[in-house]
PDB file of N, CA and C in Angstrom:
ATOM      1  N   MET A   1     -73.592 -26.656 177.915  1.00  0.00           N
ATOM      2  CA  MET A   1     -73.922 -27.905 177.468  1.00  0.00           C
ATOM      3  C   MET A   1     -72.806 -27.724 176.222  1.00  0.00           C
ATOM      4  N   GLN A   2     -72.671 -28.703 176.058  1.00  0.00           N
ATOM      5  CA  GLN A   2     -71.524 -28.840 174.589  1.00  0.00           C
ATOM      6  C   GLN A   2     -72.050 -28.765 173.282  1.00  0.00           C
ATOM      7  N   SER A   3     -71.908 -28.313 172.536  1.00  0.00           N
ATOM      8  CA  SER A   3     -72.496 -28.088 171.124  1.00  0.00           C
ATOM      9  C   SER A   3     -71.250 -28.725 170.373  1.00  0.00           C
ATOM     10  N   TYR A   4     -71.842 -30.019 169.281  1.00  0.00           N
ATOM     11  CA  TYR A   4     -71.182 -30.305 167.974  1.00  0.00           C
ATOM     12  C   TYR A   4     -71.651 -29.812 167.028  1.00  0.00           C
ATOM     13  N   TYR A   5     -71.019 -29.755 165.644  1.00  0.00           N
ATOM     14  CA  TYR A   5     -71.297 -29.415 164.461  1.00  0.00           C
ATOM     15  C   TYR A   5     -71.303 -30.365 163.302  1.00  0.00           C
ATOM     16  N   VAL A   6     -71.881 -30.274 162.750  1.00  0.00           N
ATOM     17  CA  VAL A   6     -71.377 -30.991 160.970  1.00  0.00           C
ATOM     18  C   VAL A   6     -71.451 -29.293 160.446  1.00  0.00           C
ATOM     19  N   TYR A   7     -70.472 -29.129 159.405  1.00  0.00           N
ATOM     20  CA  TYR A   7     -69.596 -27.810 158.385  1.00  0.00           C
ATOM     21  C   TYR A   7     -69.563 -28.261 157.298  1.00  0.00           C
ATOM     22  N   ILE A   8     -69.922 -27.375 156.291  1.00  0.00           N
ATOM     23  CA  ILE A   8     -69.319 -27.924 154.902  1.00  0.00           C
ATOM     24  C   ILE A   8     -68.347 -26.495 154.794  1.00  0.00           C
ATOM     25  N   MET A   9     -67.030 -26.461 154.360  1.00  0.00           N
ATOM     26  CA  MET A   9     -66.486 -25.963 153.771  1.00  0.00           C
ATOM     27  C   MET A   9     -66.039 -25.836 152.088  1.00  0.00           C
ATOM     28  N   ALA A  10     -66.080 -24.574 151.618  1.00  0.00           N
ATOM     29  CA  ALA A  10     -65.584 -25.365 150.079  1.00  0.00           C
ATOM     30  C   ALA A  10     -64.380 -23.752 149.633  1.00  0.00           C
ATOM     31  N   SER A  11     -63.707 -24.642 148.652  1.00  0.00           N
ATOM     32  CA  SER A  11     -62.728 -23.446 147.780  1.00  0.00           C
ATOM     33  C   SER A  11     -63.109 -22.043 147.204  1.00  0.00           C
ATOM     34  N   GLN A  12     -64.391 -22.767 146.931  1.00  0.00           N
ATOM     35  CA  GLN A  12     -65.189 -21.289 146.429  1.00  0.00           C
ATOM     36  C   GLN A  12     -66.705 -21.655 145.639  1.00  0.00           C
ATOM     37  N   LYS A  13     -66.894 -21.004 145.568  1.00  0.00           N
ATOM     38  CA  LYS A  13     -68.679 -20.999 144.925  1.00  0.00           C
ATOM     39  C   LYS A  13     -68.710 -22.449 143.986  1.00  0.00           C
ATOM     40  N   ASN A  14     -69.229 -23.551 144.428  1.00  0.00           N
ATOM     41  CA  ASN A  14     -69.146 -24.827 143.028  1.00  0.00           C
ATOM     42  C   ASN A  14     -67.720 -25.472 143.071  1.00  0.00           C
ATOM     43  N   GLY A  15     -67.005 -25.148 143.909  1.00  0.00           N
ATOM     44  CA  GLY A  15     -65.837 -25.656 144.356  1.00  0.00           C
ATOM     45  C   GLY A  15     -65.841 -26.939 144.980  1.00  0.00           C
ATOM     46  N   THR A  16     -64.297 -27.045 145.608  1.00  0.00           N
ATOM     47  CA  THR A  16     -64.287 -28.499 146.495  1.00  0.00           C
ATOM     48  C   THR A  16     -65.018 -28.464 147.816  1.00  0.00           C
ATOM     49  N   LEU A  17     -65.526 -29.378 147.592  1.00  0.00           N
ATOM     50  CA  LEU A  17     -66.533 -29.210 149.252  1.00  0.00           C
ATOM     51  C   LEU A  17     -65.945 -30.264 150.057  1.00  0.00           C
ATOM     52  N   TYR A  18     -65.608 -29.668 151.737  1.00  0.00           N
ATOM     53  CA  TYR A  18     -65.328 -30.765 152.855  1.00  0.00           C
ATOM     54  C   TYR A  18     -65.956 -30.611 154.153  1.00  0.00           C
ATOM     55  N   VAL A  19     -66.763 -32.140 154.421  1.00  0.00           N
ATOM     56  CA  VAL A  19     -67.940 -32.125 155.509  1.00  0.00           C
ATOM     57  C   VAL A  19     -67.078 -32.512 156.319  1.00  0.00           C
ATOM     58  N   GLY A  20     -67.172 -32.045 157.672  1.00  0.00           N
ATOM     59  CA  GLY A  20     -66.420 -32.469 159.546  1.00  0.00           C
ATOM     60  C   GLY A  20     -67.211 -32.100 160.314  1.00  0.00           C
ATOM     61  N   VAL A  21     -66.788 -32.656 161.279  1.00  0.00           N
ATOM     62  CA  VAL A  21     -67.573 -32.529 162.225  1.00  0.00           C
ATOM     63  C   VAL A  21     -66.706 -32.154 163.980  1.00  0.00           C
ATOM     64  N   PRO A  22     -66.585 -30.892 164.378  1.00  0.00           N
ATOM     65  CA  PRO A  22     -65.865 -30.587 165.844  1.00  0.00           C
ATOM     66  C   PRO A  22     -66.880 -30.408 166.864  1.00  0.00           C
ATOM     67  N   ASN A  23     -66.546 -29.746 167.278  1.00  0.00           N
ATOM     68  CA  ASN A  23     -67.258 -29.587 168.871  1.00  0.00           C
ATOM     69  C   ASN A  23     -66.920 -28.153 169.091  1.00  0.00           C
ATOM     70  N   ASP A  24     -65.737 -27.510 168.223  1.00  0.00           N
ATOM     71  CA  ASP A  24     -65.488 -25.579 168.354  1.00  0.00           C
ATOM     72  C   ASP A  24     -65.159 -25.582 167.150  1.00  0.00           C
ATOM     73  N   LEU A  25     -66.428 -24.781 166.663  1.00  0.00           N
ATOM     74  CA  LEU A  25     -66.434 -24.659 165.377  1.00  0.00           C
ATOM     75  C   LEU A  25     -65.430 -23.336 164.729  1.00  0.00           C
ATOM     76  N   ARG A  26     -65.374 -22.445 165.966  1.00  0.00           N
ATOM     77  CA  ARG A  26     -64.411 -21.478 165.329  1.00  0.00           C
ATOM     78  C   ARG A  26     -63.109 -21.701 165.265  1.00  0.00           C
ATOM     79  N   ARG A  27     -62.499 -22.641 165.849  1.00  0.00           N
ATOM     80  CA  ARG A  27     -61.298 -23.065 166.107  1.00  0.00           C
ATOM     81  C   ARG A  27     -61.108 -23.586 164.744  1.00  0.00           C
ATOM     82  N   ARG A  28     -61.939 -24.963 164.304  1.00  0.00           N
ATOM     83  CA  ARG A  28     -61.996 -25.601 163.091  1.00  0.00           C
ATOM     84  C   ARG A  28     -61.822 -25.253 162.075  1.00  0.00           C
ATOM     85  N   VAL A  29     -62.392 -23.838 161.999  1.00  0.00           N
ATOM     86  CA  VAL A  29     -62.979 -23.236 160.544  1.00  0.00           C
ATOM     87  C   VAL A  29     -61.518 -22.484 160.663  1.00  0.00           C
ATOM     88  N   ASP A  30     -60.852 -21.975 161.874  1.00  0.00           N
ATOM     89  CA  ASP A  30     -59.752 -20.963 161.914  1.00  0.00           C
ATOM     90  C   ASP A  30     -58.574 -22.054 161.217  1.00  0.00           C
ATOM     91  N   GLU A  31     -58.772 -23.063 162.222  1.00  0.00           N
ATOM     92  CA  GLU A  31     -57.328 -24.141 161.397  1.00  0.00           C
ATOM     93  C   GLU A  31     -57.462 -24.744 159.835  1.00  0.00           C
ATOM     94  N   HIS A  32     -58.896 -24.469 159.484  1.00  0.00           N
ATOM     95  CA  HIS A  32     -58.768 -24.469 157.697  1.00  0.00           C
ATOM     96  C   HIS A  32     -57.860 -23.568 157.183  1.00  0.00           C
ATOM     97  N   LYS A  33     -58.542 -22.224 157.793  1.00  0.00           N
ATOM     98  CA  LYS A  33     -58.220 -20.976 156.577  1.00  0.00           C
ATOM     99  C   LYS A  33     -56.878 -20.746 156.747  1.00  0.00           C
ATOM    100  N   VAL A  34     -55.841 -21.095 158.509  1.00  0.00           N
ATOM    101  CA  VAL A  34     -54.256 -20.878 158.043  1.00  0.00           C
ATOM    102  C   VAL A  34     -53.743 -21.940 157.415  1.00  0.00           C
ATOM    103  N   GLY A  35     -54.297 -23.053 156.973  1.00  0.00           N
ATOM    104  CA  GLY A  35     -53.582 -24.758 156.862  1.00  0.00           C
ATOM    105  C   GLY A  35     -53.032 -25.252 158.041  1.00  0.00           C
ATOM    106  N   ALA A  36     -53.565 -24.975 159.253  1.00  0.00           N
ATOM    107  CA  ALA A  36     -52.641 -25.359 160.200  1.00  0.00           C
ATOM    108  C   ALA A  36     -52.612 -27.317 160.390  1.00  0.00           C
ATOM    109  N   VAL A  37     -53.751 -27.779 159.550  1.00  0.00           N
ATOM    110  CA  VAL A  37     -53.291 -29.212 159.728  1.00  0.00           C
ATOM    111  C   VAL A  37     -53.352 -29.730 158.352  1.00  0.00           C
ATOM    112  N   PRO A  38     -52.026 -30.679 157.679  1.00  0.00           N
ATOM    113  CA  PRO A  38     -51.692 -30.883 156.583  1.00  0.00           C
ATOM    114  C   PRO A  38     -52.848 -31.716 156.050  1.00  0.00           C
ATOM    115  N   GLY A  39     -53.280 -31.659 154.731  1.00  0.00           N
ATOM    116  CA  GLY A  39     -54.219 -32.613 154.523  1.00  0.00           C
ATOM    117  C   GLY A  39     -55.472 -32.050 153.221  1.00  0.00           C
ATOM    118  N   PHE A  40     -56.223 -32.803 153.141  1.00  0.00           N
ATOM    119  CA  PHE A  40     -57.407 -32.207 151.943  1.00  0.00           C
ATOM    120  C   PHE A  40     -57.319 -30.644 151.486  1.00  0.00           C
ATOM    121  N   THR A  41     -57.856 -30.257 152.981  1.00  0.00           N
ATOM    122  CA  THR A  41     -58.601 -28.837 152.567  1.00  0.00           C
ATOM    123  C   THR A  41     -57.392 -28.407 152.469  1.00  0.00           C
ATOM    124  N   ARG A  42     -56.104 -28.308 153.321  1.00  0.00           N
ATOM    125  CA  ARG A  42     -54.737 -27.564 152.971  1.00  0.00           C
ATOM    126  C   ARG A  42     -54.555 -27.605 151.173  1.00  0.00           C
ATOM    127  N   GLN A  43     -54.458 -29.055 150.688  1.00  0.00           N
ATOM    128  CA  GLN A  43     -54.146 -29.236 149.768  1.00  0.00           C
ATOM    129  C   GLN A  43     -54.910 -28.583 148.223  1.00  0.00           C
ATOM    130  N   TYR A  44     -56.236 -28.318 148.756  1.00  0.00           N
ATOM    131  CA  TYR A  44     -57.519 -27.612 147.925  1.00  0.00           C
ATOM    132  C   TYR A  44     -57.909 -26.302 147.995  1.00  0.00           C
ATOM    133  N   HIS A  45     -57.419 -26.101 148.908  1.00  0.00           N
ATOM    134  CA  HIS A  45     -57.300 -24.137 149.539  1.00  0.00           C
ATOM    135  C   HIS A  45     -58.705 -24.389 149.494  1.00  0.00           C
ATOM    136  N   VAL A  46     -59.417 -25.297 150.697  1.00  0.00           N
ATOM    137  CA  VAL A  46     -60.638 -25.119 151.220  1.00  0.00           C
ATOM    138  C   VAL A  46     -60.794 -24.460 152.160  1.00  0.00           C
ATOM    139  N   HIS A  47     -61.223 -22.924 152.447  1.00  0.00           N
ATOM    140  CA  HIS A  47     -60.945 -22.252 153.672  1.00  0.00           C
ATOM    141  C   HIS A  47     -62.408 -21.449 154.076  1.00  0.00           C
ATOM    142  N   THR A  48     -63.600 -21.416 153.188  1.00  0.00           N
ATOM    143  CA  THR A  48     -64.744 -20.712 153.206  1.00  0.00           C
ATOM    144  C   THR A  48     -65.635 -21.886 154.099  1.00  0.00           C
ATOM    145  N   LEU A  49     -66.393 -21.267 155.066  1.00  0.00           N
ATOM    146  CA  LEU A  49     -67.323 -21.711 155.981  1.00  0.00           C
ATOM    147  C   LEU A  49     -69.019 -21.613 155.075  1.00  0.00           C
ATOM    148  N   VAL A  50     -69.393 -22.423 154.570  1.00  0.00           N
ATOM    149  CA  VAL A  50     -70.780 -22.207 153.724  1.00  0.00           C
ATOM    150  C   VAL A  50     -72.385 -22.735 154.189  1.00  0.00           C
ATOM    151  N   TYR A  51     -71.651 -23.952 155.272  1.00  0.00           N
ATOM    152  CA  TYR A  51     -72.724 -24.471 155.782  1.00  0.00           C
ATOM    153  C   TYR A  51     -72.622 -25.135 156.858  1.00  0.00           C
ATOM    154  N   TYR A  52     -73.607 -24.775 158.036  1.00  0.00           N
ATOM    155  CA  TYR A  52     -73.389 -25.689 159.546  1.00  0.00           C
ATOM    156  C   TYR A  52     -74.817 -25.846 159.896  1.00  0.00           C
ATOM    157  N   GLU A  53     -74.399 -26.576 160.663  1.00  0.00           N
ATOM    158  CA  GLU A  53     -76.017 -27.514 161.615  1.00  0.00           C
ATOM    159  C   GLU A  53     -74.873 -27.425 163.438  1.00  0.00           C
ATOM    160  N   GLU A  54     -75.748 -26.826 163.999  1.00  0.00           N
ATOM    161  CA  GLU A  54     -75.749 -27.004 165.466  1.00  0.00           C
ATOM    162  C   GLU A  54     -76.272 -28.665 166.094  1.00  0.00           C
ATOM    163  N   PHE A  55     -75.660 -29.079 167.122  1.00  0.00           N
ATOM    164  CA  PHE A  55     -76.225 -30.660 167.781  1.00  0.00           C
ATOM    165  C   PHE A  55     -75.628 -30.460 168.929  1.00  0.00           C
ATOM    166  N   SER A  56     -76.458 -30.869 169.796  1.00  0.00           N
ATOM    167  CA  SER A  56     -76.106 -30.976 171.544  1.00  0.00           C
ATOM    168  C   SER A  56     -75.849 -32.692 171.840  1.00  0.00           C
ATOM    169  N   ASP A  57     -76.045 -33.895 170.813  1.00  0.00           N
ATOM    170  CA  ASP A  57     -75.347 -34.812 170.883  1.00  0.00           C
ATOM    171  C   ASP A  57     -74.534 -35.226 169.611  1.00  0.00           C
ATOM    172  N   ILE A  58     -73.400 -35.822 170.051  1.00  0.00           N
ATOM    173  CA  ILE A  58     -72.121 -36.235 169.234  1.00  0.00           C
ATOM    174  C   ILE A  58     -72.316 -37.142 168.396  1.00  0.00           C
ATOM    175  N   TYR A  59     -73.641 -37.884 168.463  1.00  0.00           N
ATOM    176  CA  TYR A  59     -73.815 -39.346 168.042  1.00  0.00           C
ATOM    177  C   TYR A  59     -74.601 -38.965 166.932  1.00  0.00           C
ATOM    178  N   ALA A  60     -75.431 -37.487 166.703  1.00  0.00           N
ATOM    179  CA  ALA A  60     -76.351 -37.405 165.711  1.00  0.00           C
ATOM    180  C   ALA A  60     -75.710 -36.242 165.177  1.00  0.00           C
ATOM    181  N   ALA A  61     -74.563 -35.581 165.526  1.00  0.00           N
ATOM    182  CA  ALA A  61     -74.016 -34.921 164.915  1.00  0.00           C
ATOM    183  C   ALA A  61     -72.728 -36.041 163.955  1.00  0.00           C
ATOM    184  N   ILE A  62     -72.540 -37.113 164.746  1.00  0.00           N
ATOM    185  CA  ILE A  62     -71.430 -37.772 163.568  1.00  0.00           C
ATOM    186  C   ILE A  62     -72.476 -38.665 162.277  1.00  0.00           C
ATOM    187  N   THR A  63     -73.609 -39.167 163.110  1.00  0.00           N
ATOM    188  CA  THR A  63     -74.348 -39.655 162.151  1.00  0.00           C
ATOM    189  C   THR A  63     -74.923 -38.766 161.034  1.00  0.00           C
ATOM    190  N   ARG A  64     -75.136 -37.579 161.557  1.00  0.00           N
ATOM    191  CA  ARG A  64     -75.238 -36.770 159.871  1.00  0.00           C
ATOM    192  C   ARG A  64     -74.064 -36.405 158.881  1.00  0.00           C
ATOM    193  N   GLU A  65     -72.985 -36.265 159.549  1.00  0.00           N
ATOM    194  CA  GLU A  65     -71.918 -35.756 158.695  1.00  0.00           C
ATOM    195  C   GLU A  65     -71.611 -37.002 158.052  1.00  0.00           C
ATOM    196  N   LYS A  66     -72.159 -38.707 158.219  1.00  0.00           N
ATOM    197  CA  LYS A  66     -71.589 -39.750 157.746  1.00  0.00           C
ATOM    198  C   LYS A  66     -72.471 -39.848 157.034  1.00  0.00           C
ATOM    199  N   GLN A  67     -73.884 -39.197 157.106  1.00  0.00           N
ATOM    200  CA  GLN A  67     -74.852 -39.227 156.201  1.00  0.00           C
ATOM    201  C   GLN A  67     -75.008 -38.172 154.958  1.00  0.00           C
ATOM    202  N   MET A  68     -74.265 -37.154 155.006  1.00  0.00           N
ATOM    203  CA  MET A  68     -74.296 -35.773 154.206  1.00  0.00           C
ATOM    204  C   MET A  68     -72.755 -36.389 153.726  1.00  0.00           C
ATOM    205  N   LYS A  69     -71.696 -37.000 153.936  1.00  0.00           N
ATOM    206  CA  LYS A  69     -70.572 -37.890 152.993  1.00  0.00           C
ATOM    207  C   LYS A  69     -71.261 -38.276 151.972  1.00  0.00           C
ATOM    208  N   ARG A  70     -72.157 -39.026 152.715  1.00  0.00           N
ATOM    209  CA  ARG A  70     -72.315 -40.368 151.070  1.00  0.00           C
ATOM    210  C   ARG A  70     -73.511 -39.315 150.492  1.00  0.00           C
ATOM    211  N   TRP A  71     -73.799 -38.413 150.061  1.00  0.00           N
ATOM    212  CA  TRP A  71     -74.617 -37.599 149.575  1.00  0.00           C
ATOM    213  C   TRP A  71     -73.981 -37.295 148.187  1.00  0.00           C
ATOM    214  N   LYS A  72     -74.608 -37.190 147.208  1.00  0.00           N
ATOM    215  CA  LYS A  72     -74.183 -36.945 146.302  1.00  0.00           C
ATOM    216  C   LYS A  72     -73.914 -35.655 146.135  1.00  0.00           C
ATOM    217  N   ARG A  73     -73.109 -34.957 145.325  1.00  0.00           N
ATOM    218  CA  ARG A  73     -72.144 -33.564 145.226  1.00  0.00           C
ATOM    219  C   ARG A  73     -73.611 -32.626 144.911  1.00  0.00           C
ATOM    220  N   ALA A  74     -74.452 -33.184 143.637  1.00  0.00           N
ATOM    221  CA  ALA A  74     -75.649 -32.085 143.589  1.00  0.00           C
ATOM    222  C   ALA A  74     -76.656 -32.133 144.984  1.00  0.00           C
ATOM    223  N   TRP A  75     -76.626 -32.873 145.895  1.00  0.00           N
ATOM    224  CA  TRP A  75     -77.289 -32.937 146.975  1.00  0.00           C
ATOM    225  C   TRP A  75     -76.801 -31.800 147.919  1.00  0.00           C
ATOM    226  N   LYS A  76     -75.602 -31.504 147.984  1.00  0.00           N
ATOM    227  CA  LYS A  76     -74.536 -30.819 149.193  1.00  0.00           C
ATOM    228  C   LYS A  76     -74.716 -29.199 148.588  1.00  0.00           C
ATOM    229  N   LEU A  77     -74.484 -29.616 147.093  1.00  0.00           N
ATOM    230  CA  LEU A  77     -74.782 -28.129 146.368  1.00  0.00           C
ATOM    231  C   LEU A  77     -76.308 -26.999 146.699  1.00  0.00           C
ATOM    232  N   ARG A  78     -77.389 -28.275 146.720  1.00  0.00           N
ATOM    233  CA  ARG A  78     -78.541 -27.674 146.965  1.00  0.00           C
ATOM    234  C   ARG A  78     -78.494 -27.065 148.334  1.00  0.00           C
ATOM    235  N   LEU A  79     -78.233 -27.969 149.346  1.00  0.00           N
ATOM    236  CA  LEU A  79     -78.728 -27.943 150.557  1.00  0.00           C
ATOM    237  C   LEU A  79     -77.673 -26.628 151.151  1.00  0.00           C
ATOM    238  N   ILE A  80     -76.837 -26.465 150.516  1.00  0.00           N
ATOM    239  CA  ILE A  80     -75.600 -24.916 150.456  1.00  0.00           C
ATOM    240  C   ILE A  80     -76.537 -23.767 149.990  1.00  0.00           C
ATOM    241  N   GLU A  81     -76.782 -23.857 148.906  1.00  0.00           N
ATOM    242  CA  GLU A  81     -77.541 -23.039 147.942  1.00  0.00           C
ATOM    243  C   GLU A  81     -78.812 -22.622 148.679  1.00  0.00           C
ATOM    244  N   GLU A  82     -79.513 -23.580 149.647  1.00  0.00           N
ATOM    245  CA  GLU A  82     -80.662 -23.214 150.040  1.00  0.00           C
ATOM    246  C   GLU A  82     -80.597 -21.862 151.291  1.00  0.00           C
ATOM    247  N   VAL A  83     -79.620 -22.575 152.063  1.00  0.00           N
ATOM    248  CA  VAL A  83     -79.100 -21.294 153.219  1.00  0.00           C
ATOM    249  C   VAL A  83     -78.318 -20.444 152.836  1.00  0.00           C
ATOM    250  N   ASN A  84     -77.620 -20.218 151.780  1.00  0.00           N
ATOM    251  CA  ASN A  84     -76.517 -19.483 152.290  1.00  0.00           C
ATOM    252  C   ASN A  84     -76.305 -19.079 150.491  1.00  0.00           C
ATOM    253  N   PRO A  85     -77.225 -18.724 149.419  1.00  0.00           N
ATOM    254  CA  PRO A  85     -77.280 -18.653 147.954  1.00  0.00           C
ATOM    255  C   PRO A  85     -76.106 -18.368 147.439  1.00  0.00           C
ATOM    256  N   GLY A  86     -75.537 -17.105 148.450  1.00  0.00           N
ATOM    257  CA  GLY A  86     -74.493 -16.159 148.234  1.00  0.00           C
ATOM    258  C   GLY A  86     -73.185 -16.645 148.294  1.00  0.00           C
ATOM    259  N   TRP A  87     -72.984 -18.248 148.628  1.00  0.00           N
ATOM    260  CA  TRP A  87     -72.060 -18.810 149.099  1.00  0.00           C
ATOM    261  C   TRP A  87     -70.997 -17.662 150.056  1.00  0.00           C
ATOM    262  N   LYS A  88     -71.533 -16.704 151.244  1.00  0.00           N
ATOM    263  CA  LYS A  88     -70.792 -15.938 152.016  1.00  0.00           C
ATOM    264  C   LYS A  88     -70.097 -16.588 152.803  1.00  0.00           C
ATOM    265  N   ASP A  89     -69.241 -16.707 153.465  1.00  0.00           N
ATOM    266  CA  ASP A  89     -68.543 -17.156 154.521  1.00  0.00           C
ATOM    267  C   ASP A  89     -68.839 -16.827 155.929  1.00  0.00           C
ATOM    268  N   LEU A  90     -69.640 -18.010 156.210  1.00  0.00           N
ATOM    269  CA  LEU A  90     -70.567 -17.512 157.516  1.00  0.00           C
ATOM    270  C   LEU A  90     -69.527 -17.591 158.487  1.00  0.00           C
ATOM    271  N   SER A  91     -68.285 -17.654 158.558  1.00  0.00           N
ATOM    272  CA  SER A  91     -67.340 -17.246 159.359  1.00  0.00           C
ATOM    273  C   SER A  91     -67.032 -15.917 159.695  1.00  0.00           C
ATOM    274  N   ASP A  92     -67.480 -15.299 158.940  1.00  0.00           N
ATOM    275  CA  ASP A  92     -67.654 -13.681 159.037  1.00  0.00           C
ATOM    276  C   ASP A  92     -68.214 -13.570 160.486  1.00  0.00           C
ATOM    277  N   ASP A  93     -69.310 -13.609 160.315  1.00  0.00           N
ATOM    278  CA  ASP A  93     -70.021 -13.542 161.761  1.00  0.00           C
ATOM    279  C   ASP A  93     -70.017 -14.082 162.792  1.00  0.00           C
ATOM    280  N   PHE A  94     -68.457 -14.847 162.974  1.00  0.00           N
ATOM    281  CA  PHE A  94     -67.802 -15.164 164.177  1.00  0.00           C
ATOM    282  C   PHE A  94     -67.718 -14.148 165.153  1.00  0.00           C
TER     283      PHE A  94
END
């Protein structure tokens, strides 16, 4: 079964945030870390995976991503703090 993810990357604790949705979280995080894709995350050094959710349905993942992108910054910070209060790089566990 294919998995899809909604994830939040950060430049540092309380820093710049990026929300995205891939089908291969490890690959996508690696791309962010090495700056493989030009754009926002490379420009603002957004390389730390601080939050993610897994979905079996791509439409549910996209809906959640769009919801989170509309959220106020404070709501995203609170979500991260609830599950990852130390802002640990969750990709270290891959």
